[in-house]
């Protein structure tokens, strides 16, 4: 479920955002999401699992950044 909170923090869950879209968003002055009004929430749902895409060359470094109790699954 894609959603955005009152502070404009966006959650695109279920792996629906491609790694290159993430890179473009991070390097842009503006990033525009078009969402139906039903997707606007007071706060983001903490129960929604997050997909984290990692470029293969960065896997080892990325794993070290997460707390030890983080469950990681590789697809």
PDB file of N, CA and C in Angstrom:
ATOM      1  N   UNK A   1       0.848  -1.186   0.000  1.00  0.00           N
ATOM      2  CA  UNK A   1       0.000   0.000   0.000  1.00  0.00           C
ATOM      3  C   UNK A   1       0.884   1.235   0.000  1.00  0.00           C
ATOM      4  N   UNK A   2       0.778   2.049  -1.002  1.00  0.00           N
ATOM      5  CA  UNK A   2       1.491   3.315  -1.032  1.00  0.00           C
ATOM      6  C   UNK A   2       0.751   4.292  -0.131  1.00  0.00           C
ATOM      7  N   UNK A   3       1.513   5.088   0.610  1.00  0.00           N
ATOM      8  CA  UNK A   3       0.877   6.096   1.458  1.00  0.00           C
ATOM      9  C   UNK A   3       1.849   7.235   1.705  1.00  0.00           C
ATOM     10  N   UNK A   4       1.280   8.343   2.147  1.00  0.00           N
ATOM     11  CA  UNK A   4       2.068   9.527   2.470  1.00  0.00           C
ATOM     12  C   UNK A   4       1.468  10.143   3.730  1.00  0.00           C
ATOM     13  N   UNK A   5       2.338  10.618   4.639  1.00  0.00           N
ATOM     14  CA  UNK A   5       1.817  11.181   5.881  1.00  0.00           C
ATOM     15  C   UNK A   5       1.750  12.702   5.819  1.00  0.00           C
ATOM     16  N   UNK A   6       1.304  13.300   6.905  1.00  0.00           N
ATOM     17  CA  UNK A   6       1.111  14.750   6.946  1.00  0.00           C
ATOM     18  C   UNK A   6       2.415  15.534   6.826  1.00  0.00           C
ATOM     19  N   UNK A   7       3.556  14.868   7.041  1.00  0.00           N
ATOM     20  CA  UNK A   7       4.871  15.501   6.893  1.00  0.00           C
ATOM     21  C   UNK A   7       5.504  15.200   5.538  1.00  0.00           C
ATOM     22  N   UNK A   8       4.716  14.596   4.649  1.00  0.00           N
ATOM     23  CA  UNK A   8       5.149  14.233   3.296  1.00  0.00           C
ATOM     24  C   UNK A   8       6.240  13.164   3.273  1.00  0.00           C
ATOM     25  N   UNK A   9       6.259  12.304   4.292  1.00  0.00           N
ATOM     26  CA  UNK A   9       7.084  11.100   4.248  1.00  0.00           C
ATOM     27  C   UNK A   9       6.297  10.092   3.434  1.00  0.00           C
ATOM     28  N   UNK A  10       6.924   9.517   2.434  1.00  0.00           N
ATOM     29  CA  UNK A  10       6.223   8.595   1.545  1.00  0.00           C
ATOM     30  C   UNK A  10       6.663   7.162   1.805  1.00  0.00           C
ATOM     31  N   UNK A  11       5.728   6.249   1.680  1.00  0.00           N
ATOM     32  CA  UNK A  11       5.993   4.816   1.805  1.00  0.00           C
ATOM     33  C   UNK A  11       5.478   4.144   0.551  1.00  0.00           C
ATOM     34  N   UNK A  12       6.403   3.620  -0.237  1.00  0.00           N
ATOM     35  CA  UNK A  12       6.029   2.843  -1.410  1.00  0.00           C
ATOM     36  C   UNK A  12       6.424   1.414  -1.073  1.00  0.00           C
ATOM     37  N   UNK A  13       5.477   0.629  -0.667  1.00  0.00           N
ATOM     38  CA  UNK A  13       5.767  -0.708  -0.157  1.00  0.00           C
ATOM     39  C   UNK A  13       5.581  -1.770  -1.228  1.00  0.00           C
ATOM     40  N   UNK A  14       5.963  -2.973  -0.867  1.00  0.00           N
ATOM     41  CA  UNK A  14       5.784  -4.114  -1.765  1.00  0.00           C
ATOM     42  C   UNK A  14       6.774  -4.155  -2.913  1.00  0.00           C
ATOM     43  N   UNK A  15       7.881  -3.434  -2.791  1.00  0.00           N
ATOM     44  CA  UNK A  15       8.896  -3.469  -3.837  1.00  0.00           C
ATOM     45  C   UNK A  15       8.491  -2.749  -5.106  1.00  0.00           C
ATOM     46  N   UNK A  16       7.544  -1.830  -5.009  1.00  0.00           N
ATOM     47  CA  UNK A  16       7.034  -1.156  -6.196  1.00  0.00           C
ATOM     48  C   UNK A  16       7.879  -0.006  -6.690  1.00  0.00           C
ATOM     49  N   UNK A  17       9.018   0.228  -6.098  1.00  0.00           N
ATOM     50  CA  UNK A  17       9.883   1.312  -6.555  1.00  0.00           C
ATOM     51  C   UNK A  17      11.220   0.707  -6.976  1.00  0.00           C
ATOM     52  N   UNK A  18      11.614   1.016  -8.173  1.00  0.00           N
ATOM     53  CA  UNK A  18      12.834   0.471  -8.742  1.00  0.00           C
ATOM     54  C   UNK A  18      14.040   1.241  -8.216  1.00  0.00           C
ATOM     55  N   UNK A  19      15.191   0.583  -8.123  1.00  0.00           N
ATOM     56  CA  UNK A  19      16.401   1.200  -7.566  1.00  0.00           C
ATOM     57  C   UNK A  19      16.756   2.497  -8.285  1.00  0.00           C
ATOM     58  N   UNK A  20      16.574   2.552  -9.608  1.00  0.00           N
ATOM     59  CA  UNK A  20      16.935   3.765 -10.342  1.00  0.00           C
ATOM     60  C   UNK A  20      15.939   4.899 -10.078  1.00  0.00           C
ATOM     61  N   UNK A  21      14.697   4.560  -9.756  1.00  0.00           N
ATOM     62  CA  UNK A  21      13.725   5.574  -9.352  1.00  0.00           C
ATOM     63  C   UNK A  21      14.146   6.160  -8.005  1.00  0.00           C
ATOM     64  N   UNK A  22      14.652   5.328  -7.118  1.00  0.00           N
ATOM     65  CA  UNK A  22      15.126   5.808  -5.818  1.00  0.00           C
ATOM     66  C   UNK A  22      16.309   6.762  -5.992  1.00  0.00           C
ATOM     67  N   UNK A  23      17.233   6.392  -6.859  1.00  0.00           N
ATOM     68  CA  UNK A  23      18.406   7.236  -7.094  1.00  0.00           C
ATOM     69  C   UNK A  23      17.976   8.581  -7.685  1.00  0.00           C
ATOM     70  N   UNK A  24      17.060   8.557  -8.644  1.00  0.00           N
ATOM     71  CA  UNK A  24      16.565   9.797  -9.253  1.00  0.00           C
ATOM     72  C   UNK A  24      15.873  10.669  -8.207  1.00  0.00           C
ATOM     73  N   UNK A  25      15.064  10.066  -7.354  1.00  0.00           N
ATOM     74  CA  UNK A  25      14.351  10.815  -6.316  1.00  0.00           C
ATOM     75  C   UNK A  25      15.331  11.459  -5.338  1.00  0.00           C
ATOM     76  N   UNK A  26      16.341  10.723  -4.940  1.00  0.00           N
ATOM     77  CA  UNK A  26      17.324  11.228  -3.978  1.00  0.00           C
ATOM     78  C   UNK A  26      18.113  12.411  -4.548  1.00  0.00           C
ATOM     79  N   UNK A  27      18.317  12.407  -5.842  1.00  0.00           N
ATOM     80  CA  UNK A  27      19.118  13.439  -6.480  1.00  0.00           C
ATOM     81  C   UNK A  27      18.294  14.559  -7.099  1.00  0.00           C
ATOM     82  N   UNK A  28      17.015  14.580  -6.843  1.00  0.00           N
ATOM     83  CA  UNK A  28      16.127  15.596  -7.406  1.00  0.00           C
ATOM     84  C   UNK A  28      15.804  16.673  -6.379  1.00  0.00           C
ATOM     85  N   UNK A  29      15.573  17.877  -6.869  1.00  0.00           N
ATOM     86  CA  UNK A  29      15.124  18.953  -5.984  1.00  0.00           C
ATOM     87  C   UNK A  29      13.679  18.718  -5.565  1.00  0.00           C
ATOM     88  N   UNK A  30      12.886  18.175  -6.487  1.00  0.00           N
ATOM     89  CA  UNK A  30      11.481  17.870  -6.216  1.00  0.00           C
ATOM     90  C   UNK A  30      11.189  16.453  -6.676  1.00  0.00           C
ATOM     91  N   UNK A  31      10.314  15.797  -5.952  1.00  0.00           N
ATOM     92  CA  UNK A  31       9.878  14.435  -6.310  1.00  0.00           C
ATOM     93  C   UNK A  31       8.375  14.424  -6.136  1.00  0.00           C
ATOM     94  N   UNK A  32       7.673  14.172  -7.197  1.00  0.00           N
ATOM     95  CA  UNK A  32       6.219  14.273  -7.171  1.00  0.00           C
ATOM     96  C   UNK A  32       5.591  12.886  -7.235  1.00  0.00           C
ATOM     97  N   UNK A  33       4.730  12.601  -6.268  1.00  0.00           N
ATOM     98  CA  UNK A  33       3.957  11.365  -6.258  1.00  0.00           C
ATOM     99  C   UNK A  33       2.491  11.727  -6.473  1.00  0.00           C
ATOM    100  N   UNK A  34       1.838  11.045  -7.368  1.00  0.00           N
ATOM    101  CA  UNK A  34       0.411  11.237  -7.585  1.00  0.00           C
ATOM    102  C   UNK A  34      -0.311  10.076  -6.924  1.00  0.00           C
ATOM    103  N   UNK A  35      -1.036  10.381  -5.859  1.00  0.00           N
ATOM    104  CA  UNK A  35      -1.727   9.352  -5.089  1.00  0.00           C
ATOM    105  C   UNK A  35      -3.181   9.752  -4.882  1.00  0.00           C
ATOM    106  N   UNK A  36      -4.081   8.768  -4.833  1.00  0.00           N
ATOM    107  CA  UNK A  36      -5.464   9.080  -4.478  1.00  0.00           C
ATOM    108  C   UNK A  36      -5.528   9.588  -3.035  1.00  0.00           C
ATOM    109  N   UNK A  37      -6.517  10.394  -2.729  1.00  0.00           N
ATOM    110  CA  UNK A  37      -6.614  10.988  -1.389  1.00  0.00           C
ATOM    111  C   UNK A  37      -6.704   9.939  -0.287  1.00  0.00           C
ATOM    112  N   UNK A  38      -7.171   8.735  -0.608  1.00  0.00           N
ATOM    113  CA  UNK A  38      -7.268   7.668   0.394  1.00  0.00           C
ATOM    114  C   UNK A  38      -5.891   7.236   0.908  1.00  0.00           C
ATOM    115  N   UNK A  39      -4.847   7.564   0.176  1.00  0.00           N
ATOM    116  CA  UNK A  39      -3.496   7.159   0.566  1.00  0.00           C
ATOM    117  C   UNK A  39      -2.834   8.147   1.520  1.00  0.00           C
ATOM    118  N   UNK A  40      -3.464   9.296   1.753  1.00  0.00           N
ATOM    119  CA  UNK A  40      -2.934  10.261   2.714  1.00  0.00           C
ATOM    120  C   UNK A  40      -3.334   9.816   4.121  1.00  0.00           C
ATOM    121  N   UNK A  41      -2.342   9.658   4.982  1.00  0.00           N
ATOM    122  CA  UNK A  41      -2.551   9.173   6.352  1.00  0.00           C
ATOM    123  C   UNK A  41      -1.955  10.168   7.345  1.00  0.00           C
ATOM    124  N   UNK A  42      -2.473  10.153   8.565  1.00  0.00           N
ATOM    125  CA  UNK A  42      -1.897  11.008   9.606  1.00  0.00           C
ATOM    126  C   UNK A  42      -0.461  10.562   9.896  1.00  0.00           C
ATOM    127  N   UNK A  43      -0.269   9.246  10.006  1.00  0.00           N
ATOM    128  CA  UNK A  43       1.066   8.670  10.193  1.00  0.00           C
ATOM    129  C   UNK A  43       1.170   7.434   9.306  1.00  0.00           C
ATOM    130  N   UNK A  44       2.395   7.082   8.939  1.00  0.00           N
ATOM    131  CA  UNK A  44       2.609   5.875   8.142  1.00  0.00           C
ATOM    132  C   UNK A  44       2.431   4.649   9.030  1.00  0.00           C
ATOM    133  N   UNK A  45       1.958   3.562   8.445  1.00  0.00           N
ATOM    134  CA  UNK A  45       1.706   2.331   9.180  1.00  0.00           C
ATOM    135  C   UNK A  45       3.030   1.608   9.457  1.00  0.00           C
ATOM    136  N   UNK A  46       3.451   1.498  10.729  1.00  0.00           N
ATOM    137  CA  UNK A  46       4.715   0.833  11.042  1.00  0.00           C
ATOM    138  C   UNK A  46       4.683  -0.678  10.818  1.00  0.00           C
ATOM    139  N   UNK A  47       3.511  -1.257  10.593  1.00  0.00           N
ATOM    140  CA  UNK A  47       3.407  -2.703  10.384  1.00  0.00           C
ATOM    141  C   UNK A  47       3.657  -3.102   8.931  1.00  0.00           C
ATOM    142  N   UNK A  48       3.736  -2.138   8.033  1.00  0.00           N
ATOM    143  CA  UNK A  48       3.971  -2.447   6.624  1.00  0.00           C
ATOM    144  C   UNK A  48       5.443  -2.816   6.450  1.00  0.00           C
ATOM    145  N   UNK A  49       5.713  -4.025   5.941  1.00  0.00           N
ATOM    146  CA  UNK A  49       7.116  -4.414   5.735  1.00  0.00           C
ATOM    147  C   UNK A  49       7.745  -3.571   4.626  1.00  0.00           C
ATOM    148  N   UNK A  50       8.999  -3.241   4.812  1.00  0.00           N
ATOM    149  CA  UNK A  50       9.707  -2.435   3.826  1.00  0.00           C
ATOM    150  C   UNK A  50      10.580  -3.303   2.947  1.00  0.00           C
ATOM    151  N   UNK A  51      10.564  -3.018   1.664  1.00  0.00           N
ATOM    152  CA  UNK A  51      11.468  -3.652   0.710  1.00  0.00           C
ATOM    153  C   UNK A  51      12.667  -2.730   0.552  1.00  0.00           C
ATOM    154  N   UNK A  52      13.836  -3.270   0.643  1.00  0.00           N
ATOM    155  CA  UNK A  52      15.044  -2.482   0.477  1.00  0.00           C
ATOM    156  C   UNK A  52      15.824  -3.076  -0.684  1.00  0.00           C
ATOM    157  N   UNK A  53      15.959  -2.294  -1.749  1.00  0.00           N
ATOM    158  CA  UNK A  53      16.715  -2.746  -2.915  1.00  0.00           C
ATOM    159  C   UNK A  53      18.168  -2.325  -2.743  1.00  0.00           C
ATOM    160  N   UNK A  54      19.069  -3.255  -2.979  1.00  0.00           N
ATOM    161  CA  UNK A  54      20.490  -2.976  -2.845  1.00  0.00           C
ATOM    162  C   UNK A  54      21.188  -3.427  -4.117  1.00  0.00           C
ATOM    163  N   UNK A  55      22.010  -2.547  -4.658  1.00  0.00           N
ATOM    164  CA  UNK A  55      22.805  -2.899  -5.830  1.00  0.00           C
ATOM    165  C   UNK A  55      23.782  -3.994  -5.400  1.00  0.00           C
ATOM    166  N   UNK A  56      23.935  -5.067  -6.203  1.00  0.00           N
ATOM    167  CA  UNK A  56      24.767  -6.211  -5.790  1.00  0.00           C
ATOM    168  C   UNK A  56      26.151  -5.847  -5.241  1.00  0.00           C
ATOM    169  N   UNK A  57      26.819  -4.883  -5.824  1.00  0.00           N
ATOM    170  CA  UNK A  57      28.163  -4.523  -5.355  1.00  0.00           C
ATOM    171  C   UNK A  57      28.145  -3.924  -3.955  1.00  0.00           C
ATOM    172  N   UNK A  58      26.983  -3.527  -3.455  1.00  0.00           N
ATOM    173  CA  UNK A  58      26.878  -2.835  -2.167  1.00  0.00           C
ATOM    174  C   UNK A  58      26.268  -3.695  -1.065  1.00  0.00           C
ATOM    175  N   UNK A  59      26.014  -4.962  -1.323  1.00  0.00           N
ATOM    176  CA  UNK A  59      25.322  -5.822  -0.362  1.00  0.00           C
ATOM    177  C   UNK A  59      26.060  -5.895   0.975  1.00  0.00           C
ATOM    178  N   UNK A  60      27.331  -6.208   0.959  1.00  0.00           N
ATOM    179  CA  UNK A  60      28.088  -6.381   2.209  1.00  0.00           C
ATOM    180  C   UNK A  60      28.083  -5.099   3.035  1.00  0.00           C
ATOM    181  N   UNK A  61      28.320  -3.961   2.410  1.00  0.00           N
ATOM    182  CA  UNK A  61      28.331  -2.682   3.118  1.00  0.00           C
ATOM    183  C   UNK A  61      26.957  -2.365   3.672  1.00  0.00           C
ATOM    184  N   UNK A  62      25.919  -2.625   2.882  1.00  0.00           N
ATOM    185  CA  UNK A  62      24.546  -2.319   3.310  1.00  0.00           C
ATOM    186  C   UNK A  62      24.139  -3.161   4.514  1.00  0.00           C
ATOM    187  N   UNK A  63      24.478  -4.428   4.514  1.00  0.00           N
ATOM    188  CA  UNK A  63      24.115  -5.317   5.623  1.00  0.00           C
ATOM    189  C   UNK A  63      24.721  -4.819   6.932  1.00  0.00           C
ATOM    190  N   UNK A  64      25.919  -4.287   6.876  1.00  0.00           N
ATOM    191  CA  UNK A  64      26.587  -3.790   8.083  1.00  0.00           C
ATOM    192  C   UNK A  64      25.884  -2.578   8.681  1.00  0.00           C
ATOM    193  N   UNK A  65      25.093  -1.873   7.886  1.00  0.00           N
ATOM    194  CA  UNK A  65      24.425  -0.654   8.339  1.00  0.00           C
ATOM    195  C   UNK A  65      23.172  -0.933   9.171  1.00  0.00           C
ATOM    196  N   UNK A  66      22.611  -2.135   9.075  1.00  0.00           N
ATOM    197  CA  UNK A  66      21.367  -2.448   9.765  1.00  0.00           C
ATOM    198  C   UNK A  66      21.640  -3.018  11.147  1.00  0.00           C
ATOM    199  N   UNK A  67      20.769  -2.723  12.120  1.00  0.00           N
ATOM    200  CA  UNK A  67      20.941  -3.288  13.464  1.00  0.00           C
ATOM    201  C   UNK A  67      20.989  -4.815  13.408  1.00  0.00           C
ATOM    202  N   UNK A  68      21.671  -5.416  14.369  1.00  0.00           N
ATOM    203  CA  UNK A  68      21.866  -6.871  14.372  1.00  0.00           C
ATOM    204  C   UNK A  68      20.564  -7.658  14.441  1.00  0.00           C
ATOM    205  N   UNK A  69      19.509  -7.088  15.002  1.00  0.00           N
ATOM    206  CA  UNK A  69      18.243  -7.821  15.121  1.00  0.00           C
ATOM    207  C   UNK A  69      17.340  -7.641  13.887  1.00  0.00           C
ATOM    208  N   UNK A  70      17.833  -6.996  12.846  1.00  0.00           N
ATOM    209  CA  UNK A  70      17.050  -6.797  11.625  1.00  0.00           C
ATOM    210  C   UNK A  70      16.985  -8.104  10.850  1.00  0.00           C
ATOM    211  N   UNK A  71      15.761  -8.485  10.439  1.00  0.00           N
ATOM    212  CA  UNK A  71      15.598  -9.692   9.632  1.00  0.00           C
ATOM    213  C   UNK A  71      15.770  -9.319   8.166  1.00  0.00           C
ATOM    214  N   UNK A  72      16.768  -9.897   7.522  1.00  0.00           N
ATOM    215  CA  UNK A  72      17.033  -9.627   6.115  1.00  0.00           C
ATOM    216  C   UNK A  72      16.712 -10.857   5.298  1.00  0.00           C
ATOM    217  N   UNK A  73      16.061 -10.642   4.174  1.00  0.00           N
ATOM    218  CA  UNK A  73      15.697 -11.744   3.277  1.00  0.00           C
ATOM    219  C   UNK A  73      16.173 -11.384   1.887  1.00  0.00           C
ATOM    220  N   UNK A  74      16.904 -12.285   1.274  1.00  0.00           N
ATOM    221  CA  UNK A  74      17.403 -12.022  -0.062  1.00  0.00           C
ATOM    222  C   UNK A  74      16.577 -12.772  -1.087  1.00  0.00           C
ATOM    223  N   UNK A  75      16.101 -12.062  -2.107  1.00  0.00           N
ATOM    224  CA  UNK A  75      15.315 -12.692  -3.183  1.00  0.00           C
ATOM    225  C   UNK A  75      16.166 -12.865  -4.414  1.00  0.00           C
TER     226      UNK A  75
END
